[in-house]
Amino acid sequence: MLAPIFNRRFPVRQALVAACLCTMVLPAAGMPPTSDEFDRITIGGSQLYRPAPAAPVQADHRSVAALQVLMDRVGISPGVIDGGDTARLHAAFALFARTETGATIAGPDDAAAIEAALAETGGPAFVDYAITAADVAGPFTPEIPTLYVQQASLREIGFRDPREMLAERFHMDEAYLAALNPDADFGRAGTIVRVAAPGRDLQRRVARIEADKALLQVRAYDGSGDLVAAYPASIGSAATPSPTGTHTVRNKAQNPRYTYDPGGSAQPGLSDGLVLLPPGPNGPVGNAWIGLSKRTYGIHGTPEPHEIGVSESVGCVRLTNWDALELARLVRRGVPVTFID
């Protein structure tokens, strides 16, 4: 894995060599008041990329899905909302149970308490949504090659279609969204679909971050030591371990570009030199990057949100795109990040 570099003298569209993973981006419009301006950077390195499986899941476990929505609303992210009673869910619930809202709920099967808490935090877990003309207008990237050198020819590594876009917007597993709406035409404006009603973006500043390798979890705290948010994560692997000790946030970027290095650990040797990939949520580092003072390492998004907390990463810390972007908005440069073995 290589590292991000700064360059404030060149325009955003100009390719830069980097030693890690990400892009040059313009600051996002309409960011929460807690957010600093994002950096303009390019990321280079090697992350794993595999197309999402097409097999759908059954739209059951409604109380579990409702609990996932509730946790999302109070800042304890379940990752993808998928109705799955998994180890990822239970790791999040252990933290959720310490919150004022979570203390009233015995577990995923406590449907009555979950419904009561949902009513106090914004209403039902799932609502009807009318797909708009803007939702189906795109642009989309229906065919995304697996090889990085082929992705470089794309204008954007965007969402494949409206269904994938809506799944990320509502923090849902795409297969679960499809299972909830088996007859829906996601490509037609006016179609009514059932979607999750997650929480709004958090607004509290983050003063320190912990990346827990054993629990596969990232936790963010404020200046008083109170928990602000927790996110399921994929953190390194035996072959490509994540850092140890404490480092600091060095930079951050939204919609980063990624530089493929043929000498890296993923898809090696497919080009004679570095290859710059376009940005997009289905790019190797997703739509957000938080670079660390440990060169070549960072916290970033993913094209495969359903694998967070399940699959391994190439040294860095992977979150869902929406969790990575939320955390990036809440941190400032210099915030310490401690890796817990």
Protein backbone atom coordinates (compact mmCIF):
# COMPACT_ATOMS: atom_id res chain seq x y z
CA MET A 1 0.00 0.00 0.00
CA LEU A 2 1.27 3.49 -0.80
CA ALA A 3 0.44 6.95 0.55
CA PRO A 4 -1.57 10.10 -0.17
CA ILE A 5 0.23 13.30 -1.12
CA PHE A 6 -0.75 16.92 -1.19
CA ASN A 7 -0.42 19.23 -4.13
CA ARG A 8 -2.05 22.63 -3.89
CA ARG A 9 -0.42 24.05 -7.03
CA PHE A 10 -1.98 21.79 -9.66
CA PRO A 11 -5.63 21.71 -10.77
CA VAL A 12 -7.95 18.96 -9.61
CA ARG A 13 -8.04 17.18 -12.97
CA GLN A 14 -4.27 16.84 -13.23
CA ALA A 15 -2.86 13.41 -12.38
CA LEU A 16 -0.48 13.21 -9.44
CA VAL A 17 1.70 10.41 -8.18
CA ALA A 18 0.83 9.24 -4.68
CA ALA A 19 2.10 6.72 -2.25
CA CYS A 20 -1.24 5.48 -0.91
CA LEU A 21 -4.95 5.57 -1.68
CA CYS A 22 -7.21 8.47 -2.77
CA THR A 23 -7.84 11.54 -4.97
CA MET A 24 -8.01 15.21 -5.50
CA VAL A 25 -11.43 16.56 -4.71
CA LEU A 26 -13.24 19.83 -4.35
CA PRO A 27 -14.77 20.62 -0.95
CA ALA A 28 -18.29 19.22 -0.69
CA ALA A 29 -21.17 21.68 -0.69
CA GLY A 30 -23.69 21.76 2.12
CA MET A 31 -21.51 20.08 4.72
CA PRO A 32 -22.52 20.10 8.40
CA PRO A 33 -21.23 23.06 10.43
CA THR A 34 -18.82 20.72 12.22
CA SER A 35 -16.94 20.01 9.02
CA ASP A 36 -13.63 21.46 7.89
CA GLU A 37 -12.89 21.87 4.21
CA PHE A 38 -11.69 18.67 2.59
CA ASP A 39 -8.17 18.45 1.20
CA ARG A 40 -7.30 18.12 -2.47
CA ILE A 41 -5.20 15.01 -2.65
CA THR A 42 -4.49 11.94 -4.71
CA ILE A 43 -4.29 8.50 -3.13
CA GLY A 44 -2.31 5.57 -4.44
CA GLY A 45 -1.92 1.97 -3.45
CA SER A 46 -3.70 -1.34 -3.67
CA GLN A 47 -7.03 -2.33 -2.20
CA LEU A 48 -9.09 -5.41 -2.89
CA TYR A 49 -12.03 -5.07 -5.27
CA ARG A 50 -14.59 -7.74 -6.00
CA PRO A 51 -18.05 -7.28 -7.55
CA ALA A 52 -20.93 -7.60 -5.10
CA PRO A 53 -22.72 -10.96 -5.20
CA ALA A 54 -26.04 -10.98 -7.00
CA ALA A 55 -27.80 -13.54 -4.81
CA PRO A 56 -30.64 -11.86 -2.85
CA VAL A 57 -31.44 -12.43 0.82
CA GLN A 58 -34.83 -13.01 2.32
CA ALA A 59 -36.62 -9.93 3.62
CA ASP A 60 -37.16 -11.29 7.12
CA HIS A 61 -35.87 -10.46 10.61
CA ARG A 62 -37.85 -7.21 10.62
CA SER A 63 -37.19 -6.56 14.32
CA VAL A 64 -33.45 -6.93 13.74
CA ALA A 65 -33.61 -4.47 10.85
CA ALA A 66 -35.62 -2.08 13.01
CA LEU A 67 -32.95 -2.32 15.70
CA GLN A 68 -30.27 -1.55 13.10
CA VAL A 69 -32.14 1.59 12.08
CA LEU A 70 -32.48 2.66 15.71
CA MET A 71 -28.76 2.18 16.36
CA ASP A 72 -27.95 4.17 13.23
CA ARG A 73 -30.04 7.07 14.55
CA VAL A 74 -28.07 7.33 17.80
CA GLY A 75 -24.62 7.08 16.20
CA ILE A 76 -23.91 3.37 16.71
CA SER A 77 -23.68 2.27 13.11
CA PRO A 78 -24.73 -1.28 12.22
CA GLY A 79 -22.98 -0.94 8.86
CA VAL A 80 -25.49 -2.07 6.25
CA ILE A 81 -29.09 -2.40 7.38
CA ASP A 82 -29.81 -5.97 6.31
CA GLY A 83 -31.92 -7.66 8.98
CA GLY A 84 -29.03 -9.99 9.78
CA ASP A 85 -28.44 -11.18 13.35
CA THR A 86 -24.65 -11.25 12.98
CA ALA A 87 -21.48 -10.82 15.03
CA ARG A 88 -21.25 -7.32 13.52
CA LEU A 89 -24.67 -6.50 14.97
CA HIS A 90 -23.82 -7.83 18.42
CA ALA A 91 -20.55 -5.88 18.59
CA ALA A 92 -22.50 -2.69 17.84
CA PHE A 93 -25.27 -3.62 20.28
CA ALA A 94 -22.75 -3.98 23.13
CA LEU A 95 -22.00 -0.27 22.77
CA PHE A 96 -25.61 0.66 22.03
CA ALA A 97 -26.73 -0.97 25.29
CA ARG A 98 -24.65 1.61 27.20
CA THR A 99 -26.55 4.52 25.68
CA GLU A 100 -29.68 6.03 27.20
CA THR A 101 -31.78 4.65 24.36
CA GLY A 102 -30.15 1.25 24.23
CA ALA A 103 -30.43 0.63 27.97
CA THR A 104 -34.19 0.10 27.56
CA ILE A 105 -33.80 -2.71 24.99
CA ALA A 106 -33.02 -6.29 25.94
CA GLY A 107 -31.83 -7.39 22.48
CA PRO A 108 -32.74 -7.83 18.83
CA ASP A 109 -35.94 -9.72 19.72
CA ASP A 110 -37.28 -7.00 22.04
CA ALA A 111 -39.66 -5.73 19.35
CA ALA A 112 -41.94 -3.70 21.64
CA ALA A 113 -39.07 -1.75 23.21
CA ILE A 114 -37.48 -1.19 19.81
CA GLU A 115 -40.72 0.22 18.41
CA ALA A 116 -41.13 2.51 21.41
CA ALA A 117 -37.58 3.84 21.02
CA LEU A 118 -38.10 4.36 17.29
CA ALA A 119 -41.17 6.47 18.01
CA GLU A 120 -39.04 8.73 20.22
CA THR A 121 -36.20 9.07 17.68
CA GLY A 122 -38.02 9.89 14.47
CA GLY A 123 -40.79 7.39 13.83
CA PRO A 124 -41.01 4.03 12.04
CA ALA A 125 -37.87 2.22 10.98
CA PHE A 126 -39.10 1.89 7.39
CA VAL A 127 -41.03 4.34 5.25
CA ASP A 128 -42.33 4.61 1.70
CA TYR A 129 -40.20 6.59 -0.75
CA ALA A 130 -41.17 7.80 -4.22
CA ILE A 131 -38.26 7.47 -6.66
CA THR A 132 -37.66 10.83 -8.36
CA ALA A 133 -36.59 11.78 -11.86
CA ALA A 134 -33.26 12.94 -10.41
CA ASP A 135 -32.74 9.49 -8.83
CA VAL A 136 -32.95 7.72 -12.18
CA ALA A 137 -31.16 10.37 -14.25
CA GLY A 138 -27.67 9.16 -13.35
CA PRO A 139 -25.04 9.17 -14.60
CA PHE A 140 -24.46 5.54 -13.67
CA THR A 141 -21.67 3.07 -14.39
CA PRO A 142 -23.48 -0.20 -15.14
CA GLU A 143 -20.35 -2.12 -16.12
CA ILE A 144 -17.38 -1.86 -13.76
CA PRO A 145 -14.34 -3.97 -14.65
CA THR A 146 -12.66 -5.90 -11.88
CA LEU A 147 -9.15 -4.87 -12.95
CA TYR A 148 -7.91 -1.45 -11.85
CA VAL A 149 -6.11 -0.83 -15.13
CA GLN A 150 -9.45 -1.22 -16.92
CA GLN A 151 -11.32 0.95 -14.41
CA ALA A 152 -8.92 3.75 -15.32
CA SER A 153 -10.67 4.13 -18.68
CA LEU A 154 -14.00 5.00 -17.04
CA ARG A 155 -15.15 8.61 -16.60
CA GLU A 156 -16.37 7.78 -13.10
CA ILE A 157 -16.59 4.63 -10.99
CA GLY A 158 -20.15 5.50 -10.05
CA PHE A 159 -23.14 3.56 -8.86
CA ARG A 160 -24.19 0.81 -11.22
CA ASP A 161 -27.87 1.77 -11.16
CA PRO A 162 -30.54 3.60 -9.13
CA ARG A 163 -31.11 0.63 -6.82
CA GLU A 164 -27.48 0.57 -5.68
CA MET A 165 -27.52 4.35 -5.21
CA LEU A 166 -30.70 4.24 -3.12
CA ALA A 167 -29.36 1.37 -1.01
CA GLU A 168 -26.36 3.50 0.00
CA ARG A 169 -28.47 6.61 0.52
CA PHE A 170 -30.63 4.76 3.03
CA HIS A 171 -27.74 2.79 4.56
CA MET A 172 -29.13 -0.53 3.33
CA ASP A 173 -27.73 -3.73 1.93
CA GLU A 174 -28.71 -3.68 -1.73
CA ALA A 175 -29.95 -7.27 -1.70
CA TYR A 176 -32.10 -6.50 1.35
CA LEU A 177 -33.58 -3.44 -0.37
CA ALA A 178 -34.40 -5.61 -3.38
CA ALA A 179 -35.98 -8.28 -1.17
CA LEU A 180 -38.20 -5.69 0.54
CA ASN A 181 -39.36 -4.48 -2.87
CA PRO A 182 -39.42 -7.57 -5.09
CA ASP A 183 -41.68 -6.10 -7.79
CA ALA A 184 -40.32 -2.54 -7.81
CA ASP A 185 -38.95 -0.89 -10.95
CA PHE A 186 -36.06 1.07 -9.47
CA GLY A 187 -35.37 2.67 -12.84
CA ARG A 188 -38.75 4.39 -13.12
CA ALA A 189 -39.54 7.75 -11.53
CA GLY A 190 -42.67 7.57 -9.39
CA THR A 191 -42.09 4.01 -8.19
CA ILE A 192 -42.88 3.67 -4.47
CA VAL A 193 -40.34 1.62 -2.52
CA ARG A 194 -39.92 0.68 1.12
CA VAL A 195 -36.67 2.05 2.57
CA ALA A 196 -34.99 2.46 5.93
CA ALA A 197 -35.27 5.76 7.78
CA PRO A 198 -31.79 6.16 9.31
CA GLY A 199 -30.53 9.04 11.40
CA ARG A 200 -29.24 12.41 10.32
CA ASP A 201 -25.53 13.20 10.12
CA LEU A 202 -23.95 13.66 13.53
CA GLN A 203 -22.80 17.15 14.49
CA ARG A 204 -20.41 16.59 17.42
CA ARG A 205 -16.70 17.14 16.96
CA VAL A 206 -14.47 14.10 17.26
CA ALA A 207 -11.37 14.54 19.44
CA ARG A 208 -9.90 11.05 19.23
CA ILE A 209 -10.46 7.76 17.38
CA GLU A 210 -9.87 4.13 18.29
CA ALA A 211 -9.55 1.36 15.70
CA ASP A 212 -10.21 -1.92 17.51
CA LYS A 213 -8.72 -4.82 15.56
CA ALA A 214 -10.30 -7.53 17.71
CA LEU A 215 -13.83 -6.16 17.58
CA LEU A 216 -13.48 -4.85 14.00
CA GLN A 217 -14.83 -1.52 15.15
CA VAL A 218 -13.91 2.16 14.93
CA ARG A 219 -14.98 4.34 17.86
CA ALA A 220 -14.96 8.14 17.92
CA TYR A 221 -14.93 10.23 21.12
CA ASP A 222 -15.39 13.91 21.90
CA GLY A 223 -13.09 16.11 23.99
CA SER A 224 -14.76 14.99 27.22
CA GLY A 225 -14.17 11.33 26.44
CA ASP A 226 -17.81 10.60 25.61
CA LEU A 227 -18.60 8.29 22.71
CA VAL A 228 -19.74 10.19 19.61
CA ALA A 229 -20.04 7.33 17.13
CA ALA A 230 -19.05 3.75 16.47
CA TYR A 231 -18.68 2.04 13.11
CA PRO A 232 -18.08 -1.58 12.05
CA ALA A 233 -14.80 -1.83 10.17
CA SER A 234 -12.44 -4.08 8.25
CA ILE A 235 -8.99 -3.50 9.71
CA GLY A 236 -5.96 -5.00 7.95
CA SER A 237 -5.15 -8.69 7.63
CA ALA A 238 -2.48 -11.16 8.65
CA ALA A 239 -0.68 -10.65 5.32
CA THR A 240 -1.07 -6.87 5.28
CA PRO A 241 -1.58 -5.75 8.89
CA SER A 242 -2.82 -2.35 9.92
CA PRO A 243 -0.56 -0.04 11.97
CA THR A 244 0.04 -0.29 15.69
CA GLY A 245 0.17 2.48 18.26
CA THR A 246 -1.18 6.01 17.92
CA HIS A 247 -1.05 8.21 14.82
CA THR A 248 -2.87 11.40 13.80
CA VAL A 249 -5.22 12.51 11.06
CA ARG A 250 -3.09 14.09 8.33
CA ASN A 251 -5.64 14.90 5.63
CA LYS A 252 -9.08 13.98 4.35
CA ALA A 253 -10.81 13.92 0.99
CA GLN A 254 -14.27 13.42 -0.46
CA ASN A 255 -14.68 11.48 -3.73
CA PRO A 256 -10.97 10.65 -3.85
CA ARG A 257 -9.09 9.46 -6.90
CA TYR A 258 -6.90 6.40 -6.54
CA THR A 259 -3.53 5.58 -8.04
CA TYR A 260 -3.00 1.93 -8.93
CA ASP A 261 0.54 0.75 -8.22
CA PRO A 262 1.56 -2.38 -10.16
CA GLY A 263 4.09 -3.12 -7.41
CA GLY A 264 1.37 -3.32 -4.74
CA SER A 265 -0.18 -6.37 -3.11
CA ALA A 266 -3.45 -6.42 -5.08
CA GLN A 267 -3.54 -7.10 -8.83
CA PRO A 268 0.25 -6.72 -9.16
CA GLY A 269 2.11 -6.27 -12.41
CA LEU A 270 -0.73 -5.22 -14.72
CA SER A 271 0.89 -2.00 -15.95
CA ASP A 272 4.34 -0.54 -16.49
CA GLY A 273 3.73 2.34 -14.11
CA LEU A 274 1.23 4.09 -11.87
CA VAL A 275 -2.33 4.39 -13.23
CA LEU A 276 -4.76 7.07 -12.02
CA LEU A 277 -8.35 5.92 -11.53
CA PRO A 278 -11.40 8.22 -11.66
CA PRO A 279 -13.38 8.95 -8.48
CA GLY A 280 -16.67 7.38 -7.49
CA PRO A 281 -18.40 5.38 -4.73
CA ASN A 282 -17.43 2.09 -6.40
CA GLY A 283 -13.74 3.01 -6.57
CA PRO A 284 -11.22 1.08 -4.46
CA VAL A 285 -11.46 3.52 -1.54
CA GLY A 286 -15.09 4.54 -1.97
CA ASN A 287 -16.13 8.16 -1.58
CA ALA A 288 -14.13 9.26 1.48
CA TRP A 289 -10.55 9.14 2.73
CA ILE A 290 -9.00 10.08 6.09
CA GLY A 291 -5.22 9.95 5.75
CA LEU A 292 -3.02 9.17 8.75
CA SER A 293 0.41 10.40 9.77
CA LYS A 294 1.55 6.80 9.27
CA ARG A 295 2.32 7.18 5.58
CA THR A 296 0.29 5.05 3.17
CA TYR A 297 -2.43 4.29 5.74
CA GLY A 298 -5.88 5.72 6.20
CA ILE A 299 -9.56 5.22 7.00
CA HIS A 300 -11.72 5.08 3.90
CA GLY A 301 -14.93 3.91 2.21
CA THR A 302 -15.56 0.82 0.12
CA PRO A 303 -17.39 -0.37 -2.99
CA GLU A 304 -18.63 -3.38 -1.01
CA PRO A 305 -20.46 -2.18 2.13
CA HIS A 306 -21.90 -5.63 2.90
CA GLU A 307 -18.35 -6.96 3.49
CA ILE A 308 -17.40 -4.45 6.18
CA GLY A 309 -16.53 -6.24 9.39
CA VAL A 310 -16.46 -9.53 7.46
CA SER A 311 -13.66 -9.37 4.88
CA GLU A 312 -10.08 -8.18 5.42
CA SER A 313 -8.38 -5.06 4.08
CA VAL A 314 -4.94 -4.29 2.71
CA GLY A 315 -3.63 -2.60 5.85
CA CYS A 316 -6.02 0.35 5.95
CA VAL A 317 -9.32 0.71 7.81
CA ARG A 318 -12.43 0.30 5.67
CA LEU A 319 -15.90 1.58 6.59
CA THR A 320 -19.10 1.83 4.60
CA ASN A 321 -19.10 4.90 2.36
CA TRP A 322 -21.67 6.72 4.47
CA ASP A 323 -19.82 6.01 7.72
CA ALA A 324 -16.45 7.04 6.27
CA LEU A 325 -17.90 10.29 4.96
CA GLU A 326 -19.63 11.07 8.25
CA LEU A 327 -16.42 10.48 10.23
CA ALA A 328 -14.40 12.56 7.76
CA ARG A 329 -16.76 15.48 8.32
CA LEU A 330 -16.37 15.26 12.10
CA VAL A 331 -12.57 15.07 12.39
CA ARG A 332 -9.91 17.74 12.13
CA ARG A 333 -6.30 17.33 11.17
CA GLY A 334 -4.25 16.29 14.18
CA VAL A 335 -6.93 14.12 15.82
CA PRO A 336 -5.18 11.04 17.31
CA VAL A 337 -6.06 7.58 16.00
CA THR A 338 -5.07 4.67 18.24
CA PHE A 339 -4.96 1.09 16.97
CA ILE A 340 -5.97 -1.46 19.61
CA ASP A 341 -4.71 -5.04 19.10
